[in-house]
PDB file of all heavy atoms in Angstrom:
ATOM      1  N   ILE A   1       6.951  -7.510   7.647  1.00  0.00           N
ATOM      2  CA  ILE A   1       7.364  -6.822   8.878  1.00  0.00           C
ATOM      3  C   ILE A   1       7.922  -7.813   9.889  1.00  0.00           C
ATOM      4  O   ILE A   1       8.905  -7.560  10.569  1.00  0.00           O
ATOM      5  CB  ILE A   1       6.179  -6.046   9.493  1.00  0.00           C
ATOM      6  CG1 ILE A   1       5.879  -4.809   8.638  1.00  0.00           C
ATOM      7  CG2 ILE A   1       6.464  -5.615  10.915  1.00  0.00           C
ATOM      8  CD1 ILE A   1       4.577  -4.081   9.014  1.00  0.00           C
ATOM      9  N   ALA A   2       7.310  -8.993   9.937  1.00  0.00           N
ATOM     10  CA  ALA A   2       7.743 -10.022  10.887  1.00  0.00           C
ATOM     11  C   ALA A   2       9.078 -10.637  10.519  1.00  0.00           C
ATOM     12  O   ALA A   2       9.877 -10.985  11.410  1.00  0.00           O
ATOM     13  CB  ALA A   2       6.687 -11.118  11.025  1.00  0.00           C
ATOM     14  N   ILE A   3       9.403 -10.749   9.214  1.00  0.00           N
ATOM     15  CA  ILE A   3      10.606 -11.494   8.833  1.00  0.00           C
ATOM     16  C   ILE A   3      11.740 -10.639   8.370  1.00  0.00           C
ATOM     17  O   ILE A   3      12.892 -11.064   8.431  1.00  0.00           O
ATOM     18  CB  ILE A   3      10.286 -12.568   7.772  1.00  0.00           C
ATOM     19  CG1 ILE A   3       9.781 -11.926   6.462  1.00  0.00           C
ATOM     20  CG2 ILE A   3       9.321 -13.592   8.295  1.00  0.00           C
ATOM     21  CD1 ILE A   3       9.606 -12.899   5.317  1.00  0.00           C
ATOM     22  N   TYR A   4      11.483  -9.423   7.916  1.00  0.00           N
ATOM     23  CA  TYR A   4      12.586  -8.573   7.402  1.00  0.00           C
ATOM     24  C   TYR A   4      13.129  -7.665   8.491  1.00  0.00           C
ATOM     25  O   TYR A   4      12.485  -7.440   9.548  1.00  0.00           O
ATOM     26  CB  TYR A   4      12.083  -7.709   6.230  1.00  0.00           C
ATOM     27  CG  TYR A   4      11.773  -8.499   4.958  1.00  0.00           C
ATOM     28  CD1 TYR A   4      10.876  -7.995   4.078  1.00  0.00           C
ATOM     29  CD2 TYR A   4      12.374  -9.686   4.674  1.00  0.00           C
ATOM     30  CE1 TYR A   4      10.608  -8.691   2.892  1.00  0.00           C
ATOM     31  CE2 TYR A   4      12.084 -10.405   3.530  1.00  0.00           C
ATOM     32  CZ  TYR A   4      11.182  -9.883   2.636  1.00  0.00           C
ATOM     33  OH  TYR A   4      10.893 -10.571   1.486  1.00  0.00           O
ATOM     34  N   GLU A   5      14.268  -7.080   8.217  1.00  0.00           N
ATOM     35  CA  GLU A   5      14.922  -6.151   9.137  1.00  0.00           C
ATOM     36  C   GLU A   5      13.973  -4.938   9.368  1.00  0.00           C
ATOM     37  O   GLU A   5      13.452  -4.397   8.440  1.00  0.00           O
ATOM     38  CB  GLU A   5      16.231  -5.661   8.533  1.00  0.00           C
ATOM     39  CG  GLU A   5      16.968  -4.678   9.414  1.00  0.00           C
ATOM     40  CD  GLU A   5      18.212  -4.098   8.760  1.00  0.00           C
ATOM     41  OE1 GLU A   5      18.562  -4.518   7.621  1.00  0.00           O
ATOM     42  OE2 GLU A   5      18.771  -3.189   9.365  1.00  0.00           O
ATOM     43  N   ARG A   6      13.790  -4.649  10.629  1.00  0.00           N
ATOM     44  CA  ARG A   6      12.879  -3.568  10.953  1.00  0.00           C
ATOM     45  C   ARG A   6      13.462  -2.513  11.912  1.00  0.00           C
ATOM     46  O   ARG A   6      12.820  -1.551  12.317  1.00  0.00           O
ATOM     47  CB  ARG A   6      11.555  -4.093  11.504  1.00  0.00           C
ATOM     48  CG  ARG A   6      11.652  -4.857  12.778  1.00  0.00           C
ATOM     49  CD  ARG A   6      10.279  -5.384  13.200  1.00  0.00           C
ATOM     50  NE  ARG A   6      10.368  -6.400  14.224  1.00  0.00           N
ATOM     51  CZ  ARG A   6      10.677  -7.679  14.021  1.00  0.00           C
ATOM     52  NH1 ARG A   6      10.870  -8.142  12.791  1.00  0.00           N
ATOM     53  NH2 ARG A   6      10.739  -8.515  15.021  1.00  0.00           N
ATOM     54  N   GLY A   7      14.732  -2.716  12.290  1.00  0.00           N
ATOM     55  CA  GLY A   7      15.368  -1.822  13.212  1.00  0.00           C
ATOM     56  C   GLY A   7      14.651  -1.830  14.539  1.00  0.00           C
ATOM     57  O   GLY A   7      14.291  -2.872  15.056  1.00  0.00           O
ATOM     58  N   VAL A   8      14.452  -0.633  15.115  1.00  0.00           N
ATOM     59  CA  VAL A   8      13.810  -0.537  16.424  1.00  0.00           C
ATOM     60  C   VAL A   8      12.329  -0.182  16.267  1.00  0.00           C
ATOM     61  O   VAL A   8      11.660   0.062  17.271  1.00  0.00           O
ATOM     62  CB  VAL A   8      14.530   0.511  17.308  1.00  0.00           C
ATOM     63  CG1 VAL A   8      15.931   0.062  17.627  1.00  0.00           C
ATOM     64  CG2 VAL A   8      14.505   1.899  16.660  1.00  0.00           C
ATOM     65  N   GLN A   9      11.818  -0.170  15.067  1.00  0.00           N
ATOM     66  CA  GLN A   9      10.424   0.188  14.832  1.00  0.00           C
ATOM     67  C   GLN A   9       9.506  -0.854  15.422  1.00  0.00           C
ATOM     68  O   GLN A   9       9.806  -2.052  15.423  1.00  0.00           O
ATOM     69  CB  GLN A   9      10.146   0.310  13.336  1.00  0.00           C
ATOM     70  CG  GLN A   9      10.776   1.443  12.664  1.00  0.00           C
ATOM     71  CD  GLN A   9      10.533   1.416  11.176  1.00  0.00           C
ATOM     72  OE1 GLN A   9      11.466   1.192  10.425  1.00  0.00           O
ATOM     73  NE2 GLN A   9       9.300   1.618  10.787  1.00  0.00           N
ATOM     74  N   LYS A  10       8.342  -0.395  15.853  1.00  0.00           N
ATOM     75  CA  LYS A  10       7.296  -1.268  16.334  1.00  0.00           C
ATOM     76  C   LYS A  10       5.949  -0.580  16.238  1.00  0.00           C
ATOM     77  O   LYS A  10       5.879   0.638  15.933  1.00  0.00           O
ATOM     78  CB  LYS A  10       7.557  -1.681  17.792  1.00  0.00           C
ATOM     79  CG  LYS A  10       7.634  -0.528  18.762  1.00  0.00           C
ATOM     80  CD  LYS A  10       7.978  -1.033  20.159  1.00  0.00           C
ATOM     81  CE  LYS A  10       8.033   0.185  21.116  1.00  0.00           C
ATOM     82  NZ  LYS A  10       8.268  -0.251  22.471  1.00  0.00           N
ATOM     83  N   VAL A  11       4.896  -1.323  16.405  1.00  0.00           N
ATOM     84  CA  VAL A  11       3.573  -0.760  16.379  1.00  0.00           C
ATOM     85  C   VAL A  11       3.329  -0.001  17.659  1.00  0.00           C
ATOM     86  O   VAL A  11       3.658  -0.480  18.749  1.00  0.00           O
ATOM     87  CB  VAL A  11       2.491  -1.873  16.214  1.00  0.00           C
ATOM     88  CG1 VAL A  11       1.096  -1.303  16.214  1.00  0.00           C
ATOM     89  CG2 VAL A  11       2.752  -2.695  14.967  1.00  0.00           C
ATOM     90  N   SER A  12       2.772   1.205  17.561  1.00  0.00           N
ATOM     91  CA  SER A  12       2.567   2.034  18.768  1.00  0.00           C
ATOM     92  C   SER A  12       1.468   1.471  19.645  1.00  0.00           C
ATOM     93  O   SER A  12       0.556   0.777  19.141  1.00  0.00           O
ATOM     94  CB  SER A  12       2.274   3.473  18.367  1.00  0.00           C
ATOM     95  OG  SER A  12       0.981   3.558  17.865  1.00  0.00           O
ATOM     96  N   LYS A  13       1.531   1.822  20.917  1.00  0.00           N
ATOM     97  CA  LYS A  13       0.480   1.379  21.863  1.00  0.00           C
ATOM     98  C   LYS A  13      -0.846   2.056  21.505  1.00  0.00           C
ATOM     99  O   LYS A  13      -1.903   1.481  21.648  1.00  0.00           O
ATOM    100  CB  LYS A  13       0.885   1.715  23.269  1.00  0.00           C
ATOM    101  CG  LYS A  13       2.022   0.869  23.771  1.00  0.00           C
ATOM    102  CD  LYS A  13       2.436   1.207  25.188  1.00  0.00           C
ATOM    103  CE  LYS A  13       3.604   0.330  25.586  1.00  0.00           C
ATOM    104  NZ  LYS A  13       4.139   0.678  26.889  1.00  0.00           N
ATOM    105  N   THR A  14      -0.759   3.296  20.985  1.00  0.00           N
ATOM    106  CA  THR A  14      -1.979   3.977  20.594  1.00  0.00           C
ATOM    107  C   THR A  14      -2.703   3.226  19.482  1.00  0.00           C
ATOM    108  O   THR A  14      -3.927   3.037  19.522  1.00  0.00           O
ATOM    109  CB  THR A  14      -1.626   5.422  20.109  1.00  0.00           C
ATOM    110  OG1 THR A  14      -0.968   6.091  21.164  1.00  0.00           O
ATOM    111  CG2 THR A  14      -2.882   6.153  19.711  1.00  0.00           C
ATOM    112  N   SER A  15      -1.955   2.808  18.481  1.00  0.00           N
ATOM    113  CA  SER A  15      -2.530   2.053  17.368  1.00  0.00           C
ATOM    114  C   SER A  15      -3.122   0.724  17.847  1.00  0.00           C
ATOM    115  O   SER A  15      -4.211   0.348  17.449  1.00  0.00           O
ATOM    116  CB  SER A  15      -1.473   1.835  16.316  1.00  0.00           C
ATOM    117  OG  SER A  15      -2.030   1.168  15.202  1.00  0.00           O
ATOM    118  N   LEU A  16      -2.379   0.034  18.671  1.00  0.00           N
ATOM    119  CA  LEU A  16      -2.881  -1.257  19.203  1.00  0.00           C
ATOM    120  C   LEU A  16      -4.136  -1.055  20.066  1.00  0.00           C
ATOM    121  O   LEU A  16      -5.056  -1.867  19.986  1.00  0.00           O
ATOM    122  CB  LEU A  16      -1.815  -1.934  20.022  1.00  0.00           C
ATOM    123  CG  LEU A  16      -0.642  -2.488  19.212  1.00  0.00           C
ATOM    124  CD1 LEU A  16       0.446  -3.053  20.172  1.00  0.00           C
ATOM    125  CD2 LEU A  16      -1.086  -3.554  18.244  1.00  0.00           C
ATOM    126  N   THR A  17      -4.213   0.050  20.780  1.00  0.00           N
ATOM    127  CA  THR A  17      -5.386   0.357  21.582  1.00  0.00           C
ATOM    128  C   THR A  17      -6.576   0.652  20.683  1.00  0.00           C
ATOM    129  O   THR A  17      -7.708   0.161  20.923  1.00  0.00           O
ATOM    130  CB  THR A  17      -5.122   1.589  22.464  1.00  0.00           C
ATOM    131  OG1 THR A  17      -4.013   1.296  23.324  1.00  0.00           O
ATOM    132  CG2 THR A  17      -6.351   1.973  23.316  1.00  0.00           C
ATOM    133  N   ILE A  18      -6.376   1.417  19.628  1.00  0.00           N
ATOM    134  CA  ILE A  18      -7.455   1.728  18.672  1.00  0.00           C
ATOM    135  C   ILE A  18      -7.987   0.451  18.011  1.00  0.00           C
ATOM    136  O   ILE A  18      -9.191   0.208  17.962  1.00  0.00           O
ATOM    137  CB  ILE A  18      -6.970   2.732  17.608  1.00  0.00           C
ATOM    138  CG1 ILE A  18      -6.757   4.100  18.254  1.00  0.00           C
ATOM    139  CG2 ILE A  18      -7.993   2.842  16.453  1.00  0.00           C
ATOM    140  CD1 ILE A  18      -6.032   5.070  17.370  1.00  0.00           C
ATOM    141  N   VAL A  19      -7.075  -0.379  17.531  1.00  0.00           N
ATOM    142  CA  VAL A  19      -7.471  -1.631  16.863  1.00  0.00           C
ATOM    143  C   VAL A  19      -8.201  -2.530  17.834  1.00  0.00           C
ATOM    144  O   VAL A  19      -9.225  -3.150  17.505  1.00  0.00           O
ATOM    145  CB  VAL A  19      -6.247  -2.309  16.223  1.00  0.00           C
ATOM    146  CG1 VAL A  19      -6.569  -3.715  15.775  1.00  0.00           C
ATOM    147  CG2 VAL A  19      -5.719  -1.500  15.040  1.00  0.00           C
ATOM    148  N   SER A  20      -7.707  -2.650  19.046  1.00  0.00           N
ATOM    149  CA  SER A  20      -8.366  -3.511  20.044  1.00  0.00           C
ATOM    150  C   SER A  20      -9.746  -2.992  20.376  1.00  0.00           C
ATOM    151  O   SER A  20     -10.705  -3.765  20.469  1.00  0.00           O
ATOM    152  CB  SER A  20      -7.526  -3.549  21.336  1.00  0.00           C
ATOM    153  OG  SER A  20      -6.272  -4.107  21.077  1.00  0.00           O
ATOM    154  N   ALA A  21      -9.895  -1.661  20.509  1.00  0.00           N
ATOM    155  CA  ALA A  21     -11.206  -1.071  20.784  1.00  0.00           C
ATOM    156  C   ALA A  21     -12.179  -1.311  19.650  1.00  0.00           C
ATOM    157  O   ALA A  21     -13.356  -1.634  19.878  1.00  0.00           O
ATOM    158  CB  ALA A  21     -11.060   0.429  21.070  1.00  0.00           C
ATOM    159  N   VAL A  22     -11.701  -1.208  18.434  1.00  0.00           N
ATOM    160  CA  VAL A  22     -12.562  -1.409  17.272  1.00  0.00           C
ATOM    161  C   VAL A  22     -13.072  -2.868  17.226  1.00  0.00           C
ATOM    162  O   VAL A  22     -14.286  -3.126  17.092  1.00  0.00           O
ATOM    163  CB  VAL A  22     -11.816  -1.093  15.964  1.00  0.00           C
ATOM    164  CG1 VAL A  22     -12.535  -1.639  14.741  1.00  0.00           C
ATOM    165  CG2 VAL A  22     -11.613   0.418  15.837  1.00  0.00           C
ATOM    166  N   TRP A  23     -12.199  -3.825  17.395  1.00  0.00           N
ATOM    167  CA  TRP A  23     -12.593  -5.221  17.315  1.00  0.00           C
ATOM    168  C   TRP A  23     -13.394  -5.664  18.546  1.00  0.00           C
ATOM    169  O   TRP A  23     -14.316  -6.507  18.462  1.00  0.00           O
ATOM    170  CB  TRP A  23     -11.437  -6.133  17.050  1.00  0.00           C
ATOM    171  CG  TRP A  23     -10.963  -5.972  15.648  1.00  0.00           C
ATOM    172  CD1 TRP A  23      -9.765  -5.432  15.254  1.00  0.00           C
ATOM    173  CD2 TRP A  23     -11.650  -6.271  14.437  1.00  0.00           C
ATOM    174  NE1 TRP A  23      -9.726  -5.375  13.864  1.00  0.00           N
ATOM    175  CE2 TRP A  23     -10.859  -5.894  13.353  1.00  0.00           C
ATOM    176  CE3 TRP A  23     -12.909  -6.841  14.175  1.00  0.00           C
ATOM    177  CZ2 TRP A  23     -11.218  -6.066  12.023  1.00  0.00           C
ATOM    178  CZ3 TRP A  23     -13.321  -6.991  12.863  1.00  0.00           C
ATOM    179  CH2 TRP A  23     -12.483  -6.618  11.796  1.00  0.00           C
ATOM    180  N   LEU A  24     -13.136  -5.075  19.717  1.00  0.00           N
ATOM    181  CA  LEU A  24     -13.932  -5.344  20.917  1.00  0.00           C
ATOM    182  C   LEU A  24     -15.345  -4.820  20.714  1.00  0.00           C
ATOM    183  O   LEU A  24     -16.367  -5.473  21.012  1.00  0.00           O
ATOM    184  CB  LEU A  24     -13.282  -4.742  22.155  1.00  0.00           C
ATOM    185  CG  LEU A  24     -14.050  -4.928  23.448  1.00  0.00           C
ATOM    186  CD1 LEU A  24     -14.153  -6.451  23.786  1.00  0.00           C
ATOM    187  CD2 LEU A  24     -13.370  -4.178  24.590  1.00  0.00           C
ATOM    188  N   THR A  25     -15.474  -3.587  20.168  1.00  0.00           N
ATOM    189  CA  THR A  25     -16.754  -3.042  19.847  1.00  0.00           C
ATOM    190  C   THR A  25     -17.520  -3.914  18.856  1.00  0.00           C
ATOM    191  O   THR A  25     -18.742  -4.155  19.024  1.00  0.00           O
ATOM    192  CB  THR A  25     -16.644  -1.595  19.299  1.00  0.00           C
ATOM    193  OG1 THR A  25     -15.953  -0.803  20.257  1.00  0.00           O
ATOM    194  CG2 THR A  25     -17.972  -0.986  19.002  1.00  0.00           C
ATOM    195  N   ALA A  26     -16.853  -4.379  17.844  1.00  0.00           N
ATOM    196  CA  ALA A  26     -17.481  -5.268  16.860  1.00  0.00           C
ATOM    197  C   ALA A  26     -17.969  -6.550  17.491  1.00  0.00           C
ATOM    198  O   ALA A  26     -19.072  -7.023  17.183  1.00  0.00           O
ATOM    199  CB  ALA A  26     -16.504  -5.558  15.711  1.00  0.00           C
ATOM    200  N   ALA A  27     -17.170  -7.088  18.394  1.00  0.00           N
ATOM    201  CA  ALA A  27     -17.564  -8.336  19.084  1.00  0.00           C
ATOM    202  C   ALA A  27     -18.794  -8.098  19.975  1.00  0.00           C
ATOM    203  O   ALA A  27     -19.742  -8.902  19.981  1.00  0.00           O
ATOM    204  CB  ALA A  27     -16.391  -8.854  19.954  1.00  0.00           C
TER     205      ALA A  27
END
């Protein structure tokens, strides 16, 4: 994803929020 053509796609803020909440809870 980092090196190949990806157009305008990106990770959503919702997904980043969920992942952040999960790892913060684990911490």
